């Protein structure tokens, strides 16, 4: 359980940093908001993993990454980023 929380935080942070770096000056939101978006996406991925009763740490980590990427892509599509 602790590993899932820590990996979710790390993935979320890295997802937010990646979003800020990749979209650069075109983003209207700041660095902190980018990191929060990554964290929220990671939590969504973790919730999906818990709903599917995923026991593998590696698969949970992958779901954290996928959740963060989906949220970032959705925000980009909606024009918030």
N, C-alpha and C. Protein backbone atom coordinates (compact mmCIF):
# COMPACT_ATOMS: atom_id res chain seq x y z
N UNK A 1 0.83 -1.20 0.00
CA UNK A 1 0.00 0.00 0.00
C UNK A 1 0.87 1.26 0.00
N UNK A 2 1.90 1.24 0.82
CA UNK A 2 2.79 2.41 0.89
C UNK A 2 3.52 2.62 -0.42
N UNK A 3 3.92 1.51 -1.06
CA UNK A 3 4.59 1.61 -2.36
C UNK A 3 3.68 2.27 -3.39
N UNK A 4 2.40 1.93 -3.37
CA UNK A 4 1.44 2.50 -4.33
C UNK A 4 1.31 4.01 -4.12
N UNK A 5 1.30 4.45 -2.89
CA UNK A 5 1.18 5.88 -2.60
C UNK A 5 2.43 6.62 -3.05
N UNK A 6 3.58 6.08 -2.70
CA UNK A 6 4.84 6.74 -3.06
C UNK A 6 5.03 6.75 -4.57
N UNK A 7 4.77 5.62 -5.23
CA UNK A 7 4.94 5.59 -6.68
C UNK A 7 3.94 6.51 -7.36
N UNK A 8 2.73 6.60 -6.83
CA UNK A 8 1.74 7.52 -7.39
C UNK A 8 2.19 8.97 -7.28
N UNK A 9 2.76 9.33 -6.16
CA UNK A 9 3.26 10.70 -5.99
C UNK A 9 4.42 10.99 -6.94
N UNK A 10 5.33 10.04 -7.06
CA UNK A 10 6.48 10.24 -7.95
C UNK A 10 6.03 10.34 -9.40
N UNK A 11 5.15 9.43 -9.82
CA UNK A 11 4.66 9.46 -11.20
C UNK A 11 3.89 10.74 -11.48
N UNK A 12 3.07 11.14 -10.53
CA UNK A 12 2.31 12.37 -10.71
C UNK A 12 3.21 13.59 -10.82
N UNK A 13 4.21 13.64 -9.98
CA UNK A 13 5.15 14.76 -10.05
C UNK A 13 5.88 14.78 -11.38
N UNK A 14 6.38 13.62 -11.79
CA UNK A 14 7.11 13.55 -13.06
C UNK A 14 6.19 13.84 -14.25
N UNK A 15 4.94 13.40 -14.16
CA UNK A 15 3.99 13.71 -15.22
C UNK A 15 3.73 15.20 -15.34
N UNK A 16 3.61 15.85 -14.21
CA UNK A 16 3.42 17.30 -14.21
C UNK A 16 4.63 18.05 -14.74
N UNK A 17 5.81 17.60 -14.34
CA UNK A 17 7.04 18.22 -14.83
C UNK A 17 7.16 18.01 -16.33
N UNK A 18 6.87 16.79 -16.79
CA UNK A 18 6.92 16.51 -18.22
C UNK A 18 5.95 17.39 -18.99
N UNK A 19 4.75 17.56 -18.44
CA UNK A 19 3.75 18.40 -19.10
C UNK A 19 4.26 19.84 -19.21
N UNK A 20 4.83 20.37 -18.16
CA UNK A 20 5.32 21.75 -18.18
C UNK A 20 6.47 21.91 -19.17
N UNK A 21 7.37 20.94 -19.19
CA UNK A 21 8.52 21.02 -20.09
C UNK A 21 8.09 20.84 -21.54
N UNK A 22 7.21 19.88 -21.80
CA UNK A 22 6.85 19.58 -23.18
C UNK A 22 5.97 20.66 -23.80
N UNK A 23 5.12 21.30 -23.01
CA UNK A 23 4.26 22.34 -23.55
C UNK A 23 4.87 23.72 -23.40
N UNK A 24 5.93 23.82 -22.63
CA UNK A 24 6.72 25.04 -22.52
C UNK A 24 5.93 26.30 -22.29
N UNK A 25 6.23 27.32 -23.08
CA UNK A 25 5.62 28.62 -22.91
C UNK A 25 4.17 28.69 -23.35
N UNK A 26 3.70 27.64 -24.03
CA UNK A 26 2.32 27.67 -24.52
C UNK A 26 1.30 27.40 -23.42
N UNK A 27 1.76 26.95 -22.26
CA UNK A 27 0.82 26.67 -21.19
C UNK A 27 0.42 27.95 -20.47
N UNK A 28 -0.82 28.02 -20.12
CA UNK A 28 -1.34 29.17 -19.39
C UNK A 28 -1.30 28.96 -17.88
N UNK A 29 -0.93 27.76 -17.48
CA UNK A 29 -0.91 27.44 -16.06
C UNK A 29 0.53 27.31 -15.58
N UNK A 30 0.72 27.47 -14.30
CA UNK A 30 2.06 27.45 -13.73
C UNK A 30 2.56 26.05 -13.42
N UNK A 31 3.78 26.00 -12.92
CA UNK A 31 4.45 24.74 -12.62
C UNK A 31 3.71 23.95 -11.55
N UNK A 32 3.29 24.61 -10.49
CA UNK A 32 2.61 23.93 -9.38
C UNK A 32 1.32 23.29 -9.87
N UNK A 33 0.57 23.99 -10.70
CA UNK A 33 -0.69 23.44 -11.23
C UNK A 33 -0.40 22.24 -12.12
N UNK A 34 0.68 22.29 -12.89
CA UNK A 34 1.07 21.15 -13.73
C UNK A 34 1.36 19.93 -12.87
N UNK A 35 2.07 20.12 -11.78
CA UNK A 35 2.39 19.01 -10.89
C UNK A 35 1.10 18.47 -10.25
N UNK A 36 0.21 19.35 -9.85
CA UNK A 36 -1.06 18.91 -9.26
C UNK A 36 -1.88 18.11 -10.27
N UNK A 37 -1.89 18.55 -11.52
CA UNK A 37 -2.60 17.81 -12.58
C UNK A 37 -2.00 16.41 -12.73
N UNK A 38 -0.68 16.32 -12.71
CA UNK A 38 -0.03 15.02 -12.77
C UNK A 38 -0.38 14.14 -11.59
N UNK A 39 -0.43 14.72 -10.39
CA UNK A 39 -0.80 13.97 -9.20
C UNK A 39 -2.23 13.47 -9.27
N UNK A 40 -3.14 14.32 -9.71
CA UNK A 40 -4.55 13.93 -9.82
C UNK A 40 -4.69 12.80 -10.84
N UNK A 41 -4.00 12.93 -11.96
CA UNK A 41 -4.03 11.86 -12.96
C UNK A 41 -3.50 10.56 -12.42
N UNK A 42 -2.47 10.63 -11.63
CA UNK A 42 -1.90 9.44 -11.03
C UNK A 42 -2.87 8.81 -10.03
N UNK A 43 -3.58 9.63 -9.29
CA UNK A 43 -4.59 9.13 -8.36
C UNK A 43 -5.72 8.43 -9.13
N UNK A 44 -6.10 9.01 -10.27
CA UNK A 44 -7.13 8.38 -11.10
C UNK A 44 -6.66 7.00 -11.57
N UNK A 45 -5.42 6.93 -12.03
CA UNK A 45 -4.86 5.64 -12.44
C UNK A 45 -4.81 4.65 -11.29
N UNK A 46 -4.46 5.13 -10.11
CA UNK A 46 -4.44 4.27 -8.94
C UNK A 46 -5.82 3.77 -8.56
N UNK A 47 -6.82 4.63 -8.69
CA UNK A 47 -8.20 4.24 -8.40
C UNK A 47 -8.67 3.16 -9.38
N UNK A 48 -8.28 3.32 -10.64
CA UNK A 48 -8.64 2.31 -11.64
C UNK A 48 -7.99 0.97 -11.27
N UNK A 49 -6.73 1.03 -10.87
CA UNK A 49 -6.04 -0.19 -10.45
C UNK A 49 -6.69 -0.84 -9.24
N UNK A 50 -7.12 -0.04 -8.28
CA UNK A 50 -7.79 -0.59 -7.11
C UNK A 50 -9.14 -1.18 -7.47
N UNK A 51 -9.86 -0.53 -8.38
CA UNK A 51 -11.16 -1.04 -8.80
C UNK A 51 -11.02 -2.38 -9.52
N UNK A 52 -9.92 -2.53 -10.26
CA UNK A 52 -9.67 -3.78 -10.98
C UNK A 52 -8.95 -4.81 -10.11
N UNK A 53 -8.70 -4.45 -8.85
CA UNK A 53 -8.01 -5.31 -7.88
C UNK A 53 -6.65 -5.77 -8.38
N UNK A 54 -5.88 -4.81 -8.88
CA UNK A 54 -4.54 -5.08 -9.38
C UNK A 54 -3.61 -5.29 -8.19
N UNK A 55 -2.89 -6.40 -8.20
CA UNK A 55 -1.97 -6.71 -7.11
C UNK A 55 -0.52 -6.47 -7.49
N UNK A 56 -0.23 -6.41 -8.78
CA UNK A 56 1.13 -6.25 -9.25
C UNK A 56 1.57 -4.79 -9.08
N UNK A 57 2.72 -4.60 -8.46
CA UNK A 57 3.24 -3.24 -8.27
C UNK A 57 3.63 -2.60 -9.60
N UNK A 58 4.14 -3.40 -10.49
CA UNK A 58 4.55 -2.89 -11.79
C UNK A 58 3.32 -2.44 -12.57
N UNK A 59 2.28 -3.25 -12.58
CA UNK A 59 1.06 -2.88 -13.30
C UNK A 59 0.39 -1.66 -12.67
N UNK A 60 0.44 -1.56 -11.35
CA UNK A 60 -0.12 -0.37 -10.67
C UNK A 60 0.66 0.87 -11.08
N UNK A 61 1.97 0.76 -11.18
CA UNK A 61 2.82 1.86 -11.61
C UNK A 61 2.45 2.28 -13.04
N UNK A 62 2.25 1.29 -13.90
CA UNK A 62 1.85 1.58 -15.29
C UNK A 62 0.50 2.28 -15.32
N UNK A 63 -0.43 1.85 -14.50
CA UNK A 63 -1.74 2.50 -14.45
C UNK A 63 -1.64 3.94 -13.93
N UNK A 64 -0.73 4.19 -13.00
CA UNK A 64 -0.49 5.56 -12.54
C UNK A 64 -0.02 6.44 -13.69
N UNK A 65 0.91 5.92 -14.47
CA UNK A 65 1.42 6.67 -15.62
C UNK A 65 0.32 6.91 -16.63
N UNK A 66 -0.45 5.88 -16.93
CA UNK A 66 -1.54 6.00 -17.91
C UNK A 66 -2.58 7.02 -17.44
N UNK A 67 -2.93 6.98 -16.17
CA UNK A 67 -3.91 7.94 -15.64
C UNK A 67 -3.42 9.37 -15.76
N UNK A 68 -2.16 9.60 -15.43
CA UNK A 68 -1.60 10.94 -15.54
C UNK A 68 -1.56 11.40 -16.99
N UNK A 69 -1.18 10.51 -17.90
CA UNK A 69 -1.11 10.88 -19.32
C UNK A 69 -2.50 11.16 -19.89
N UNK A 70 -3.48 10.37 -19.50
CA UNK A 70 -4.84 10.59 -19.99
C UNK A 70 -5.38 11.94 -19.52
N UNK A 71 -5.16 12.27 -18.26
CA UNK A 71 -5.65 13.55 -17.76
C UNK A 71 -4.95 14.72 -18.45
N UNK A 72 -3.65 14.62 -18.64
CA UNK A 72 -2.91 15.67 -19.32
C UNK A 72 -3.39 15.82 -20.76
N UNK A 73 -3.60 14.70 -21.46
CA UNK A 73 -4.09 14.75 -22.84
C UNK A 73 -5.50 15.34 -22.90
N UNK A 74 -6.34 14.99 -21.93
CA UNK A 74 -7.70 15.53 -21.89
C UNK A 74 -7.69 17.05 -21.68
N UNK A 75 -6.85 17.51 -20.77
CA UNK A 75 -6.76 18.94 -20.55
C UNK A 75 -6.20 19.67 -21.77
N UNK A 76 -5.26 19.03 -22.46
CA UNK A 76 -4.72 19.61 -23.69
C UNK A 76 -5.81 19.69 -24.76
N UNK A 77 -6.61 18.65 -24.88
CA UNK A 77 -7.69 18.60 -25.86
C UNK A 77 -8.75 19.68 -25.57
N UNK A 78 -9.05 19.88 -24.29
CA UNK A 78 -10.06 20.88 -23.91
C UNK A 78 -9.54 22.31 -23.95
N UNK A 79 -8.24 22.48 -24.16
CA UNK A 79 -7.67 23.79 -24.31
C UNK A 79 -7.21 24.46 -23.03
N UNK A 80 -7.14 23.70 -21.94
CA UNK A 80 -6.68 24.27 -20.67
C UNK A 80 -5.17 24.35 -20.61
N UNK A 81 -4.49 23.58 -21.43
CA UNK A 81 -3.03 23.53 -21.41
C UNK A 81 -2.51 24.00 -22.73
